[in-house]
Each structure stands twice: as C-alpha cells, then as structure tokens.
Amino acid sequence: AEHQHGRYNPLRDDWVLVSAHRVRRPWHGQLERPPSEDVPRWDAQNPLCPGARRAGGQVNPPYEGTFVFPNDFPALQPDAPEPDAGDHPLFRAAAARGVCKVMCFHPRSDLTLPLMSLAEIQAVVDKWAELAEELGAAYPWVQIFENKGAMMGCSNPHPHCQIWASSFLPNEARLEDRTQREYRSQHYVPMLLEYAEQEARRKERLVVENEHWLVVVPYWATWPFQTLLLPRRHVCRLQELRQDERDSLASIMKRLLIKYDNLFEVSFPYSMGWHGAPTGPHLEEDCGHWQLHAHYYPPLLRSATVRKFMVGYEMLAQAQRDLTPEQAAERLRSLPEVHYKQRPE
C-alpha cells in the first residue's frame, strides 16, 4: 500500500503501475463542475423524452418503459461502401459496417439507474439481452455501453445507453478473445470464472455480492474506483442468462450504483460496457474460453470535483493509479446501500 509496484492484467496482457502514495500530493489542477441536481422529469426540448422531436424530425412515442430507436448520428451504417484496400502494408483499410441504436432506460429524465426500482432495472436487463440476441444473430460483435455524466462525454442527461453492432471484432474484443483463449488452453478453466472464485474467497477487493454475481475492484484496476461485474456461473453471453440471474443482476447493479453515488454524494460519472463471447458467425464456434462480464470505468479520484487524468506517463508509457485496488474496494464496500437522496431526514 505504501510502495509503488506493478500489477499484471491477464485480460489485457499488460501492466499497471500502482503508486498509492501519490494520492496524498497537493492538488492545484483542474476542478470539475458537479452534475446538475435539477434535471426536469420531462422536457419538450430534450430529444430523448417521450413525445419529443429528435434531430431527424422523428417524434418519440409516449413510451412508459424502455425505448429503443436507431441512433440519429450513427458511427456505423449497414450499407457503407468497401474502402480501397491500400497499396502498402503501412496504409491498410478494411470495411466497417453495422448499426447503432439508442436505448432509453426510463421515461423520466431525472431517474438514473440507482434511483430506479428493481422492476425497472430488470426491464433494462431484459431489453439488453433481447438486443444482444437480435443483433448478435447477424453481427460478430454487439457492444452495449453507457456513458453516464457530462464528464464522460454524455451529451444528454436522460438515462440511456447505446448499442453498436459491428461487422468486425473491435480491438478490445480481439484482445480479450486472445487472452481468455490462451488462459484456458494453459489452465483448462475460463480465466474470469477462476478469477471470480478467487476473489469471492479472498474478499479483499470484493465490493458487493449475491447468489449469482459479484462485483470487485479488479486486482489490476486502472481507474481509481473501477469495478468488474462477474457471474458466478460459467456463461458466455448476456442472452444466455436465466431469468433468476437477470433479476439478481438488476439487484447487484442497483447496490453498486448506489454506492458509487454515495461515495462523493453526486450522480457518479462512468463509462460501462458488457463484454461477452462474439456472435454472428462465431455462434457456431467453441467460445467456452469466454466469460460474460461488465466493466465500470469511473474517472473521479478524490472528490466530486477532482478526477483522474490519463495523460503523460499513462499515454506514453503505461497505466498508473493513485491508490491500491484494495483501498478503493474498502471505501466502496463500507458505503451504505441506501441512496443519499433517499435517506430519512
């Protein structure tokens, strides 16, 4: 805890420098503005609200639960032309096709996931699984991700996520596919299944757990309060979860996200995303080396106004963190599971 050291990340085949003493250094750098607490329930000018008009002219239906629609500014399109292959190995190009969707979690703009009911979060999980199966029938990779908060580039406060399905395996997917495949060939067990069993036994990085899931600050975490959400059972894809596992997933997500908000008593920003076995043509392959998991990457370090910057050494050498994963886990673990906005007077 007091001396710098490196930790190996087997999922990414790289290292992180842990320098826990650096969190004590004085801070005279940039201070972030905490997110607004006065988000209206409904705003006719907000293109994600029920009944509102979006940029392309479409009017949202008066939805009462989740709502999915094609992204009005998609990064991927299904009919993109084939690029020139290039005339030199240093100038290569490849086709990139796909679809991009937006999913609103709830009709109210002022309700983030930790403030939603369990039934409402369960509906989100069920819709995720439905979209993963639907898009995964045709596309090799379906990336479900949420950018929460302006600090993470979210341009709209309405609770929502995005789903991008691509004709190719993105970099992170290819990397995790290789490392998990190599681990199983060497140790005869899926990497993250064994990792979950180890963390459940050791407890020191455990944040929350229930019958089907556990959340840990991974041993190799890069971001200050990064977490990894893992199933206890070997399961490759989101759509393969049983209904009881989906329901308990909603429960553990709510518990984790309440703790995040309670850490600095602010709507906690993060980027999160699901990683599971590739789909499309890979559905016919042996993907038993994969274990479904979700990454949470929050940027805040010391307070609601001081974030971790990935610059300098991190960009040019390797990732570095300012407190140990064990310290981060202890702080999160000790927080109450009643949201600070819902505590009795």
Foldseek 3Di string as FASTA:
>chain_A
DQDWDWDADLLQRDIAIEHQVVVPDDDPDFWADFDDLPAFFDDLPAQVAQQHADPVGDGHHNDAAKDKDFDPDDPAAADDDFDDQDDDPVDGDGDKHWTKMKMFLGNTLNDELLNDDLVSLLVVLVVVLVVCVVLLQAAQDKKKKDWADVVSVDPGSGHMIMIIGINDQDPSQVSSLVSLVVCCVVPVAQPVLVVVVVCVVVVLQWQDDDDFKTKGCDQRHQAQQKIKIFTNDADFDSNPDDSVNSSVVSVVVSQLQLLQCQLQVGNFTWMKIKDGGTGHVCVPPPSSSHGIMMIIHTFCDDHSTHGDDCDDCCVPPNGYDHRGSSVSSVSSNPGDSQHPVRDDD
